[in-house]
């Protein structure tokens, strides 16, 4: 049978995004205080984040129940993006792969609409083979054209440009992936929807 493993919905994604409205992004990109310290707990508590670890990349649980990872190459600072797994569907049998692909296609617009209720219209939304698929503003934001056409990665994508005048406003990217196995007849496949909140163009780069 098909199994959704996160227990999360499009409505949950909207709640997660609502929780990001008041975030001081400049502070986030600069990185949290030392893991395990009282300063770190206070820093997280400002936004209802509950820290889950004290080493490598900070992981928190949000008020809305989601899990977020602060990607920083394991050094805690600078932070270059936050990642959140919003949805994951997997097939138990290869015969379920066609149903998995159909269900993934049905879920994607639901998640886009949920995000747009909070963020406004996406700057772009479409599939891997769209003629107008945009180039990334930063090479690390998503795969280049050659890789995308070869692997169908990202399979579907939507993004929202930074808005507002506060320093460090984030670029928000949502992608749906479909595993290669989903197109086979002998291996069960899977599909995920992932949200990535990027530091603005040029301000933080992977080291």
N, C-alpha and C. Protein backbone atom coordinates (compact mmCIF):
# COMPACT_ATOMS: atom_id res chain seq x y z
N UNK A 1 0.83 -1.19 0.00
CA UNK A 1 0.00 0.00 0.00
C UNK A 1 0.87 1.25 0.00
N UNK A 2 0.28 2.37 -0.41
CA UNK A 2 0.99 3.65 -0.34
C UNK A 2 0.94 4.17 1.09
N UNK A 3 2.08 4.68 1.57
CA UNK A 3 2.18 5.15 2.95
C UNK A 3 2.79 6.54 2.97
N UNK A 4 2.10 7.49 3.61
CA UNK A 4 2.67 8.81 3.84
C UNK A 4 3.33 8.76 5.20
N UNK A 5 4.65 9.05 5.24
CA UNK A 5 5.42 8.76 6.45
C UNK A 5 5.56 9.94 7.41
N UNK A 6 5.28 11.18 6.97
CA UNK A 6 5.50 12.33 7.85
C UNK A 6 4.29 12.64 8.72
N UNK A 7 3.10 12.22 8.30
CA UNK A 7 1.89 12.59 9.01
C UNK A 7 1.53 14.05 8.84
N UNK A 8 2.10 14.70 7.83
CA UNK A 8 1.91 16.13 7.62
C UNK A 8 1.04 16.38 6.39
N UNK A 9 0.38 17.54 6.36
CA UNK A 9 -0.52 17.90 5.29
C UNK A 9 -0.15 19.27 4.73
N UNK A 10 -0.85 19.65 3.66
CA UNK A 10 -0.66 20.98 3.10
C UNK A 10 -1.02 22.06 4.12
N UNK A 11 -2.05 21.81 4.92
CA UNK A 11 -2.44 22.77 5.96
C UNK A 11 -1.34 22.93 7.01
N UNK A 12 -0.65 21.84 7.31
CA UNK A 12 0.49 21.92 8.23
C UNK A 12 1.61 22.77 7.65
N UNK A 13 1.82 22.66 6.34
CA UNK A 13 2.84 23.49 5.71
C UNK A 13 2.50 24.97 5.85
N UNK A 14 1.23 25.31 5.62
CA UNK A 14 0.81 26.70 5.77
C UNK A 14 1.08 27.20 7.20
N UNK A 15 0.82 26.35 8.19
CA UNK A 15 1.09 26.73 9.58
C UNK A 15 2.57 26.94 9.82
N UNK A 16 3.41 26.11 9.22
CA UNK A 16 4.86 26.28 9.36
C UNK A 16 5.29 27.62 8.77
N UNK A 17 4.76 27.97 7.62
CA UNK A 17 5.13 29.22 6.97
C UNK A 17 4.62 30.43 7.76
N UNK A 18 3.45 30.30 8.34
CA UNK A 18 2.95 31.39 9.20
C UNK A 18 3.91 31.64 10.35
N UNK A 19 4.49 30.55 10.87
CA UNK A 19 5.41 30.68 11.99
C UNK A 19 6.72 31.36 11.63
N UNK A 20 7.00 31.51 10.33
CA UNK A 20 8.24 32.16 9.90
C UNK A 20 8.08 33.66 9.67
N UNK A 21 6.84 34.16 9.76
CA UNK A 21 6.57 35.56 9.41
C UNK A 21 7.40 36.55 10.24
N UNK A 22 7.56 36.27 11.53
CA UNK A 22 8.20 37.24 12.43
C UNK A 22 9.69 36.98 12.64
N UNK A 23 10.26 36.06 11.86
CA UNK A 23 11.66 35.69 12.08
C UNK A 23 12.60 36.83 11.66
N UNK A 24 13.58 37.09 12.49
CA UNK A 24 14.66 38.03 12.17
C UNK A 24 15.70 37.24 11.37
N UNK A 25 15.58 37.29 10.04
CA UNK A 25 16.41 36.42 9.21
C UNK A 25 17.90 36.78 9.28
N UNK A 26 18.21 38.04 9.44
CA UNK A 26 19.63 38.41 9.57
C UNK A 26 20.27 37.68 10.74
N UNK A 27 19.52 37.55 11.84
CA UNK A 27 20.01 36.83 13.01
C UNK A 27 20.18 35.35 12.72
N UNK A 28 19.23 34.78 11.97
CA UNK A 28 19.31 33.36 11.63
C UNK A 28 20.53 33.07 10.79
N UNK A 29 20.75 33.88 9.74
CA UNK A 29 21.89 33.62 8.85
C UNK A 29 23.22 33.78 9.59
N UNK A 30 23.25 34.65 10.60
CA UNK A 30 24.48 34.81 11.38
C UNK A 30 24.78 33.58 12.23
N UNK A 31 23.74 32.76 12.50
CA UNK A 31 23.93 31.52 13.23
C UNK A 31 23.48 31.60 14.67
N UNK A 32 23.04 30.48 15.24
CA UNK A 32 22.59 30.45 16.63
C UNK A 32 23.76 30.45 17.59
N UNK A 33 23.48 30.76 18.86
CA UNK A 33 24.53 30.62 19.89
C UNK A 33 24.95 29.16 20.04
N UNK A 34 25.98 28.95 20.82
CA UNK A 34 26.54 27.61 21.00
C UNK A 34 25.46 26.60 21.42
N UNK A 35 25.46 25.45 20.77
CA UNK A 35 24.47 24.42 21.08
C UNK A 35 24.53 23.96 22.52
N UNK A 36 23.35 23.76 23.11
CA UNK A 36 23.27 23.31 24.48
C UNK A 36 23.33 24.40 25.51
N UNK A 37 23.60 25.63 25.10
CA UNK A 37 23.72 26.74 26.04
C UNK A 37 22.35 27.35 26.32
N UNK A 38 22.26 28.07 27.43
CA UNK A 38 21.01 28.76 27.75
C UNK A 38 20.72 29.84 26.72
N UNK A 39 21.77 30.45 26.17
CA UNK A 39 21.59 31.47 25.13
C UNK A 39 20.95 30.87 23.89
N UNK A 40 21.35 29.65 23.54
CA UNK A 40 20.77 28.98 22.38
C UNK A 40 19.29 28.70 22.61
N UNK A 41 18.95 28.23 23.80
CA UNK A 41 17.55 27.94 24.10
C UNK A 41 16.71 29.22 24.05
N UNK A 42 17.24 30.32 24.56
CA UNK A 42 16.52 31.59 24.52
C UNK A 42 16.38 32.08 23.09
N UNK A 43 17.43 31.92 22.31
CA UNK A 43 17.42 32.33 20.90
C UNK A 43 16.32 31.59 20.14
N UNK A 44 16.23 30.30 20.36
CA UNK A 44 15.21 29.48 19.71
C UNK A 44 13.80 29.81 20.21
N UNK A 45 13.71 30.07 21.52
CA UNK A 45 12.39 30.30 22.13
C UNK A 45 11.70 31.54 21.58
N UNK A 46 12.45 32.49 21.03
CA UNK A 46 11.85 33.69 20.46
C UNK A 46 10.81 33.34 19.40
N UNK A 47 11.03 32.24 18.70
CA UNK A 47 10.14 31.86 17.61
C UNK A 47 9.41 30.54 17.87
N UNK A 48 9.45 30.10 19.12
CA UNK A 48 8.76 28.86 19.45
C UNK A 48 9.48 27.63 18.94
N UNK A 49 10.78 27.74 18.70
CA UNK A 49 11.57 26.60 18.26
C UNK A 49 12.12 25.86 19.47
N UNK A 50 12.06 24.57 19.43
CA UNK A 50 12.61 23.72 20.50
C UNK A 50 13.84 22.99 19.98
N UNK A 51 15.05 23.35 20.43
CA UNK A 51 16.26 22.71 19.90
C UNK A 51 16.30 21.23 20.25
N UNK A 52 16.78 20.43 19.28
CA UNK A 52 16.81 18.99 19.44
C UNK A 52 18.21 18.42 19.57
N UNK A 53 19.23 19.25 19.38
CA UNK A 53 20.59 18.74 19.40
C UNK A 53 21.55 19.83 19.81
N UNK A 54 22.80 19.46 20.05
CA UNK A 54 23.82 20.43 20.46
C UNK A 54 25.09 20.30 19.63
N UNK A 55 25.04 19.55 18.52
CA UNK A 55 26.23 19.41 17.70
C UNK A 55 25.85 19.48 16.22
N UNK A 56 26.83 19.73 15.39
CA UNK A 56 26.69 19.88 13.95
C UNK A 56 25.57 20.88 13.62
N UNK A 57 24.68 20.56 12.67
CA UNK A 57 23.65 21.51 12.28
C UNK A 57 22.50 21.51 13.29
N UNK A 58 22.05 22.70 13.66
CA UNK A 58 20.93 22.82 14.60
C UNK A 58 19.66 22.24 13.99
N UNK A 59 18.96 21.42 14.78
CA UNK A 59 17.65 20.89 14.41
C UNK A 59 16.66 21.35 15.46
N UNK A 60 15.50 21.86 15.01
CA UNK A 60 14.49 22.32 15.95
C UNK A 60 13.13 21.74 15.59
N UNK A 61 12.25 21.67 16.58
CA UNK A 61 10.83 21.45 16.36
C UNK A 61 10.12 22.79 16.50
N UNK A 62 9.18 23.04 15.60
CA UNK A 62 8.46 24.32 15.60
C UNK A 62 7.17 24.21 16.40
N UNK A 63 6.54 25.37 16.65
CA UNK A 63 5.24 25.37 17.32
C UNK A 63 4.20 24.57 16.53
N UNK A 64 4.33 24.58 15.21
CA UNK A 64 3.37 23.89 14.35
C UNK A 64 3.65 22.39 14.24
N UNK A 65 4.71 21.92 14.91
CA UNK A 65 4.98 20.49 14.95
C UNK A 65 5.97 19.99 13.92
N UNK A 66 6.53 20.89 13.12
CA UNK A 66 7.47 20.48 12.09
C UNK A 66 8.90 20.41 12.58
N UNK A 67 9.74 19.78 11.79
CA UNK A 67 11.16 19.63 12.09
C UNK A 67 11.94 20.43 11.05
N UNK A 68 12.82 21.30 11.52
CA UNK A 68 13.62 22.15 10.65
C UNK A 68 15.10 21.93 10.94
N UNK A 69 15.89 21.90 9.89
CA UNK A 69 17.34 21.79 10.02
C UNK A 69 18.00 23.07 9.51
N UNK A 70 18.90 23.63 10.31
CA UNK A 70 19.64 24.84 9.95
C UNK A 70 20.95 24.40 9.31
N UNK A 71 21.03 24.47 8.00
CA UNK A 71 22.19 23.97 7.28
C UNK A 71 23.34 24.97 7.39
N UNK A 72 24.49 24.47 7.90
CA UNK A 72 25.62 25.37 8.13
C UNK A 72 26.96 24.68 7.95
N UNK A 73 26.97 23.58 7.18
CA UNK A 73 28.19 22.79 7.01
C UNK A 73 28.73 22.26 8.33
N UNK A 74 27.84 22.11 9.32
CA UNK A 74 28.23 21.53 10.59
C UNK A 74 28.92 22.46 11.54
N UNK A 75 29.04 23.75 11.18
CA UNK A 75 29.76 24.70 12.03
C UNK A 75 28.85 25.64 12.80
N UNK A 76 27.54 25.53 12.64
CA UNK A 76 26.53 26.38 13.28
C UNK A 76 26.46 27.78 12.69
N UNK A 77 27.54 28.31 12.16
CA UNK A 77 27.46 29.63 11.54
C UNK A 77 28.54 29.71 10.45
N UNK A 78 28.21 30.43 9.35
CA UNK A 78 26.90 31.02 9.08
C UNK A 78 25.91 29.96 8.62
N UNK A 79 24.63 30.23 8.80
CA UNK A 79 23.56 29.38 8.29
C UNK A 79 23.23 29.84 6.88
N UNK A 80 23.18 28.90 5.93
CA UNK A 80 22.86 29.30 4.56
C UNK A 80 21.46 28.92 4.13
N UNK A 81 20.81 28.00 4.86
CA UNK A 81 19.40 27.71 4.55
C UNK A 81 18.80 26.87 5.68
N UNK A 82 17.47 26.85 5.71
CA UNK A 82 16.70 25.97 6.58
C UNK A 82 15.96 24.98 5.69
N UNK A 83 15.89 23.72 6.11
CA UNK A 83 15.19 22.71 5.33
C UNK A 83 14.11 22.04 6.16
N UNK A 84 13.03 21.67 5.50
CA UNK A 84 11.88 21.06 6.16
C UNK A 84 11.25 20.06 5.21
N UNK A 85 11.11 18.79 5.67
CA UNK A 85 10.41 17.78 4.87
C UNK A 85 8.93 17.89 5.15
N UNK A 86 8.16 18.30 4.15
CA UNK A 86 6.74 18.58 4.32
C UNK A 86 5.85 17.39 4.04
N UNK A 87 6.35 16.41 3.27
CA UNK A 87 5.47 15.30 2.84
C UNK A 87 6.35 14.20 2.24
N UNK A 88 6.01 12.95 2.51
CA UNK A 88 6.75 11.83 1.93
C UNK A 88 5.80 10.65 1.73
N UNK A 89 5.66 10.24 0.50
CA UNK A 89 4.82 9.09 0.15
C UNK A 89 5.71 8.00 -0.41
N UNK A 90 5.49 6.77 0.05
CA UNK A 90 6.27 5.66 -0.48
C UNK A 90 5.36 4.49 -0.82
N UNK A 91 5.79 3.74 -1.83
CA UNK A 91 5.08 2.53 -2.23
C UNK A 91 5.71 1.32 -1.56
N UNK A 92 4.89 0.36 -1.19
CA UNK A 92 5.41 -0.88 -0.63
C UNK A 92 5.70 -1.92 -1.70
N UNK A 93 5.00 -1.80 -2.83
CA UNK A 93 5.16 -2.74 -3.93
C UNK A 93 5.36 -1.97 -5.23
N UNK A 94 6.15 -2.55 -6.13
CA UNK A 94 6.41 -1.89 -7.40
C UNK A 94 5.13 -1.68 -8.21
N UNK A 95 4.16 -2.55 -8.03
CA UNK A 95 2.89 -2.42 -8.76
C UNK A 95 2.13 -1.16 -8.37
N UNK A 96 2.51 -0.55 -7.24
CA UNK A 96 1.84 0.67 -6.77
C UNK A 96 2.45 1.95 -7.36
N UNK A 97 3.52 1.82 -8.12
CA UNK A 97 4.20 3.00 -8.63
C UNK A 97 3.30 3.92 -9.47
N UNK A 98 2.47 3.40 -10.37
CA UNK A 98 1.58 4.31 -11.10
C UNK A 98 0.66 5.10 -10.19
N UNK A 99 0.14 4.45 -9.14
CA UNK A 99 -0.71 5.17 -8.19
C UNK A 99 0.09 6.21 -7.41
N UNK A 100 1.35 5.89 -7.09
CA UNK A 100 2.20 6.84 -6.39
C UNK A 100 2.41 8.09 -7.24
N UNK A 101 2.70 7.93 -8.52
CA UNK A 101 2.90 9.08 -9.40
C UNK A 101 1.63 9.90 -9.53
N UNK A 102 0.49 9.24 -9.60
CA UNK A 102 -0.77 9.96 -9.71
C UNK A 102 -1.07 10.73 -8.43
N UNK A 103 -0.80 10.10 -7.30
CA UNK A 103 -1.06 10.77 -6.02
C UNK A 103 -0.11 11.94 -5.81
N UNK A 104 1.14 11.79 -6.22
CA UNK A 104 2.10 12.89 -6.11
C UNK A 104 1.63 14.08 -6.95
N UNK A 105 1.09 13.81 -8.13
CA UNK A 105 0.60 14.88 -9.00
C UNK A 105 -0.59 15.59 -8.37
N UNK A 106 -1.41 14.87 -7.61
CA UNK A 106 -2.57 15.47 -6.95
C UNK A 106 -2.16 16.32 -5.75
N UNK A 107 -1.13 15.88 -5.03
CA UNK A 107 -0.71 16.58 -3.82
C UNK A 107 0.00 17.89 -4.11
N UNK A 108 0.79 17.92 -5.16
CA UNK A 108 1.61 19.10 -5.43
C UNK A 108 0.79 20.39 -5.46
N UNK A 109 -0.27 20.49 -6.26
CA UNK A 109 -1.02 21.77 -6.27
C UNK A 109 -1.64 22.12 -4.92
N UNK A 110 -1.96 21.13 -4.12
CA UNK A 110 -2.50 21.40 -2.79
C UNK A 110 -1.44 22.11 -1.93
N UNK A 111 -0.21 21.64 -2.00
CA UNK A 111 0.86 22.25 -1.22
C UNK A 111 1.22 23.64 -1.76
N UNK A 112 1.19 23.80 -3.07
CA UNK A 112 1.46 25.12 -3.64
C UNK A 112 0.39 26.12 -3.20
N UNK A 113 -0.87 25.72 -3.26
CA UNK A 113 -1.95 26.62 -2.84
C UNK A 113 -1.82 26.98 -1.36
N UNK A 114 -1.45 26.00 -0.54
CA UNK A 114 -1.29 26.27 0.89
C UNK A 114 -0.17 27.28 1.12
N UNK A 115 0.94 27.14 0.41
CA UNK A 115 2.04 28.08 0.55
C UNK A 115 1.64 29.47 0.05
N UNK A 116 0.89 29.52 -1.04
CA UNK A 116 0.50 30.81 -1.61
C UNK A 116 -0.49 31.55 -0.71
N UNK A 117 -1.25 30.84 0.09
CA UNK A 117 -2.15 31.52 1.02
C UNK A 117 -1.36 32.34 2.03
N UNK A 118 -0.14 31.93 2.32
CA UNK A 118 0.71 32.64 3.28
C UNK A 118 1.67 33.59 2.58
N UNK A 119 2.28 33.14 1.50
CA UNK A 119 3.38 33.87 0.86
C UNK A 119 2.95 34.70 -0.34
N UNK A 120 1.72 34.50 -0.81
CA UNK A 120 1.31 35.15 -2.05
C UNK A 120 1.69 34.28 -3.24
N UNK A 121 1.39 34.73 -4.46
CA UNK A 121 1.67 33.93 -5.65
C UNK A 121 3.15 33.60 -5.80
N UNK A 122 3.42 32.38 -6.21
CA UNK A 122 4.80 31.97 -6.46
C UNK A 122 5.38 32.76 -7.62
N UNK A 123 6.68 33.05 -7.55
CA UNK A 123 7.35 33.70 -8.68
C UNK A 123 7.38 32.77 -9.88
N UNK A 124 7.44 31.46 -9.63
CA UNK A 124 7.39 30.46 -10.70
C UNK A 124 6.94 29.14 -10.09
N UNK A 125 6.21 28.35 -10.88
CA UNK A 125 5.75 27.04 -10.45
C UNK A 125 5.60 26.17 -11.69
N UNK A 126 6.23 24.99 -11.68
CA UNK A 126 6.10 24.14 -12.84
C UNK A 126 6.90 22.85 -12.72
N UNK A 127 6.84 22.00 -13.77
CA UNK A 127 7.53 20.70 -13.77
C UNK A 127 8.94 20.79 -14.33
N UNK A 128 9.65 19.70 -14.20
CA UNK A 128 11.05 19.62 -14.59
C UNK A 128 11.29 19.92 -16.07
N UNK A 129 10.31 19.62 -16.92
CA UNK A 129 10.51 19.78 -18.36
C UNK A 129 9.84 21.03 -18.93
N UNK A 130 9.45 21.97 -18.08
CA UNK A 130 8.82 23.20 -18.56
C UNK A 130 9.81 24.01 -19.40
N UNK A 131 9.38 24.52 -20.57
CA UNK A 131 10.30 25.29 -21.42
C UNK A 131 10.85 26.54 -20.73
N UNK A 132 10.08 27.10 -19.79
CA UNK A 132 10.53 28.33 -19.13
C UNK A 132 11.11 28.08 -17.74
N UNK A 133 11.55 26.83 -17.48
CA UNK A 133 12.14 26.52 -16.18
C UNK A 133 13.29 27.50 -15.91
N UNK A 134 13.27 28.22 -14.79
CA UNK A 134 14.26 29.29 -14.57
C UNK A 134 15.63 28.76 -14.18
N UNK A 135 16.64 29.58 -14.45
CA UNK A 135 17.98 29.31 -13.95
C UNK A 135 18.03 29.74 -12.49
N UNK A 136 18.83 29.05 -11.67
CA UNK A 136 18.91 29.44 -10.25
C UNK A 136 19.66 30.75 -10.06
N UNK A 137 19.21 31.59 -9.14
CA UNK A 137 19.96 32.82 -8.85
C UNK A 137 21.31 32.52 -8.22
N UNK A 138 21.41 31.39 -7.54
CA UNK A 138 22.68 30.90 -6.99
C UNK A 138 22.82 29.45 -7.44
N UNK A 139 24.00 29.00 -7.87
CA UNK A 139 24.15 27.63 -8.38
C UNK A 139 23.71 26.55 -7.41
N UNK A 140 23.79 26.81 -6.10
CA UNK A 140 23.44 25.79 -5.11
C UNK A 140 21.94 25.71 -4.83
N UNK A 141 21.14 26.63 -5.38
CA UNK A 141 19.72 26.65 -5.04
C UNK A 141 18.97 25.49 -5.67
N UNK A 142 19.24 25.19 -6.94
CA UNK A 142 18.70 23.99 -7.58
C UNK A 142 19.61 23.58 -8.74
N UNK A 143 19.37 22.37 -9.25
CA UNK A 143 20.28 21.77 -10.22
C UNK A 143 20.26 22.51 -11.56
N UNK A 144 21.37 22.39 -12.30
CA UNK A 144 21.44 23.05 -13.60
C UNK A 144 20.60 22.30 -14.63
N UNK A 145 20.43 22.89 -15.80
CA UNK A 145 19.52 22.37 -16.81
C UNK A 145 19.88 20.96 -17.26
N UNK A 146 21.17 20.70 -17.52
CA UNK A 146 21.58 19.39 -18.01
C UNK A 146 21.25 18.30 -17.00
N UNK A 147 21.56 18.54 -15.74
CA UNK A 147 21.28 17.55 -14.70
C UNK A 147 19.78 17.35 -14.54
N UNK A 148 19.03 18.46 -14.57
CA UNK A 148 17.56 18.38 -14.41
C UNK A 148 16.93 17.56 -15.52
N UNK A 149 17.33 17.78 -16.76
CA UNK A 149 16.73 17.05 -17.87
C UNK A 149 17.12 15.58 -17.87
N UNK A 150 18.28 15.28 -17.31
CA UNK A 150 18.72 13.88 -17.25
C UNK A 150 18.05 13.12 -16.11
N UNK A 151 17.83 13.78 -14.98
CA UNK A 151 17.37 13.09 -13.77
C UNK A 151 15.95 13.45 -13.33
N UNK A 152 15.34 14.47 -13.98
CA UNK A 152 14.03 14.98 -13.55
C UNK A 152 14.08 15.49 -12.11
N UNK A 153 15.17 16.16 -11.79
CA UNK A 153 15.38 16.71 -10.44
C UNK A 153 15.69 18.20 -10.53
N UNK A 154 14.88 19.08 -9.93
CA UNK A 154 13.64 18.76 -9.22
C UNK A 154 12.52 18.38 -10.16
N UNK A 155 11.65 17.48 -9.71
CA UNK A 155 10.56 17.00 -10.55
C UNK A 155 9.50 18.08 -10.74
N UNK A 156 9.16 18.75 -9.65
CA UNK A 156 8.32 19.95 -9.69
C UNK A 156 8.93 20.97 -8.74
N UNK A 157 8.73 22.25 -9.05
CA UNK A 157 9.35 23.29 -8.23
C UNK A 157 8.49 24.54 -8.23
N UNK A 158 8.48 25.22 -7.09
CA UNK A 158 7.89 26.55 -6.98
C UNK A 158 8.81 27.36 -6.08
N UNK A 159 8.90 28.68 -6.35
CA UNK A 159 9.72 29.49 -5.46
C UNK A 159 9.11 30.88 -5.29
N UNK A 160 9.49 31.50 -4.18
CA UNK A 160 9.02 32.83 -3.81
C UNK A 160 10.24 33.70 -3.56
N UNK A 161 10.30 34.84 -4.23
CA UNK A 161 11.43 35.75 -4.08
C UNK A 161 11.36 36.45 -2.72
N UNK A 162 12.51 36.93 -2.23
CA UNK A 162 12.50 37.72 -0.99
C UNK A 162 11.63 38.97 -1.15
N UNK A 163 10.88 39.29 -0.11
CA UNK A 163 10.06 40.49 -0.13
C UNK A 163 10.31 41.30 1.15
N UNK A 164 9.97 42.55 1.11
CA UNK A 164 10.14 43.39 2.28
C UNK A 164 11.50 44.07 2.30
N UNK A 165 11.66 44.97 3.26
CA UNK A 165 12.88 45.77 3.34
C UNK A 165 13.78 45.38 4.51
N UNK A 166 13.37 44.39 5.31
CA UNK A 166 14.20 43.99 6.43
C UNK A 166 15.45 43.26 5.93
N UNK A 167 16.58 43.41 6.59
CA UNK A 167 17.81 42.75 6.15
C UNK A 167 17.67 41.23 6.15
N UNK A 168 18.25 40.61 5.13
CA UNK A 168 18.34 39.16 5.10
C UNK A 168 17.07 38.43 4.74
N UNK A 169 16.10 39.09 4.12
CA UNK A 169 14.85 38.41 3.77
C UNK A 169 15.13 37.14 2.96
N UNK A 170 14.38 36.09 3.26
CA UNK A 170 14.68 34.77 2.71
C UNK A 170 14.02 34.55 1.36
N UNK A 171 14.65 33.69 0.55
CA UNK A 171 14.03 33.14 -0.65
C UNK A 171 13.53 31.76 -0.30
N UNK A 172 12.27 31.47 -0.63
CA UNK A 172 11.66 30.20 -0.23
C UNK A 172 11.43 29.33 -1.47
N UNK A 173 11.92 28.11 -1.38
CA UNK A 173 11.88 27.17 -2.49
C UNK A 173 11.17 25.89 -2.05
N UNK A 174 10.22 25.44 -2.85
CA UNK A 174 9.55 24.16 -2.57
C UNK A 174 9.72 23.26 -3.78
N UNK A 175 10.17 22.04 -3.53
CA UNK A 175 10.39 21.10 -4.62
C UNK A 175 9.73 19.77 -4.29
N UNK A 176 9.31 19.11 -5.35
CA UNK A 176 8.85 17.73 -5.23
C UNK A 176 9.82 16.84 -5.97
N UNK A 177 10.28 15.80 -5.29
CA UNK A 177 11.16 14.82 -5.92
C UNK A 177 10.40 13.52 -6.10
N UNK A 178 10.78 12.78 -7.12
CA UNK A 178 10.25 11.43 -7.35
C UNK A 178 11.44 10.52 -7.59
N UNK A 179 11.55 9.45 -6.84
CA UNK A 179 12.70 8.56 -6.97
C UNK A 179 12.68 7.86 -8.32
N UNK A 180 13.87 7.53 -8.81
CA UNK A 180 13.98 6.83 -10.10
C UNK A 180 13.17 5.55 -10.11
N UNK A 181 13.11 4.87 -8.96
CA UNK A 181 12.40 3.59 -8.90
C UNK A 181 10.92 3.72 -9.24
N UNK A 182 10.36 4.92 -9.06
CA UNK A 182 8.92 5.10 -9.32
C UNK A 182 8.56 4.87 -10.77
N UNK A 183 9.54 4.94 -11.68
CA UNK A 183 9.26 4.70 -13.10
C UNK A 183 9.61 3.27 -13.52
N UNK A 184 9.97 2.43 -12.57
CA UNK A 184 10.30 1.04 -12.89
C UNK A 184 9.12 0.13 -12.55
N UNK A 185 9.22 -1.11 -12.98
CA UNK A 185 8.18 -2.10 -12.69
C UNK A 185 8.64 -3.16 -11.71
N UNK A 186 9.87 -2.98 -11.16
CA UNK A 186 10.37 -4.02 -10.26
C UNK A 186 10.80 -3.51 -8.89
N UNK A 187 10.75 -2.18 -8.67
CA UNK A 187 11.18 -1.60 -7.40
C UNK A 187 10.19 -0.54 -6.95
N UNK A 188 9.71 -0.59 -5.71
CA UNK A 188 8.78 0.45 -5.24
C UNK A 188 9.48 1.80 -5.13
N UNK A 189 8.76 2.86 -5.49
CA UNK A 189 9.33 4.20 -5.49
C UNK A 189 8.79 5.07 -4.38
N UNK A 190 9.15 6.33 -4.43
CA UNK A 190 8.70 7.27 -3.42
C UNK A 190 8.71 8.69 -3.96
N UNK A 191 8.06 9.58 -3.25
CA UNK A 191 8.03 10.99 -3.62
C UNK A 191 8.04 11.84 -2.36
N UNK A 192 8.75 12.97 -2.41
CA UNK A 192 8.84 13.88 -1.26
C UNK A 192 8.55 15.30 -1.71
N UNK A 193 8.07 16.09 -0.76
CA UNK A 193 7.99 17.54 -0.93
C UNK A 193 8.84 18.17 0.16
N UNK A 194 9.78 18.99 -0.28
CA UNK A 194 10.75 19.59 0.62
C UNK A 194 10.70 21.11 0.50
N UNK A 195 10.75 21.79 1.63
CA UNK A 195 10.79 23.25 1.66
C UNK A 195 12.19 23.68 2.09
N UNK A 196 12.77 24.62 1.35
CA UNK A 196 14.07 25.17 1.69
C UNK A 196 13.97 26.68 1.77
N UNK A 197 14.42 27.25 2.87
CA UNK A 197 14.42 28.70 3.08
C UNK A 197 15.87 29.16 2.95
N UNK A 198 16.15 29.86 1.85
CA UNK A 198 17.52 30.23 1.52
C UNK A 198 17.86 31.63 2.00
N UNK A 199 19.11 31.79 2.43
CA UNK A 199 19.64 33.13 2.62
C UNK A 199 19.59 33.84 1.28
N UNK A 200 19.38 35.17 1.26
CA UNK A 200 19.21 35.89 0.00
C UNK A 200 20.45 35.81 -0.88
N UNK A 201 20.22 36.00 -2.14
CA UNK A 201 21.26 35.88 -3.16
C UNK A 201 22.52 36.65 -2.78
N UNK A 202 23.62 35.90 -2.78
CA UNK A 202 24.92 36.55 -2.58
C UNK A 202 25.31 36.75 -1.12
N UNK A 203 24.34 36.62 -0.17
CA UNK A 203 24.68 36.96 1.20
C UNK A 203 25.32 35.81 1.96
N UNK A 204 24.95 34.57 1.61
CA UNK A 204 25.57 33.41 2.25
C UNK A 204 25.82 32.37 1.18
N UNK A 205 27.00 31.84 1.16
CA UNK A 205 27.34 30.80 0.20
C UNK A 205 27.86 29.58 0.95
N UNK A 206 27.66 28.42 0.32
CA UNK A 206 28.23 27.21 0.90
C UNK A 206 29.75 27.30 0.82
N UNK A 207 30.38 26.88 1.88
CA UNK A 207 31.84 26.99 1.94
C UNK A 207 32.47 25.65 1.58
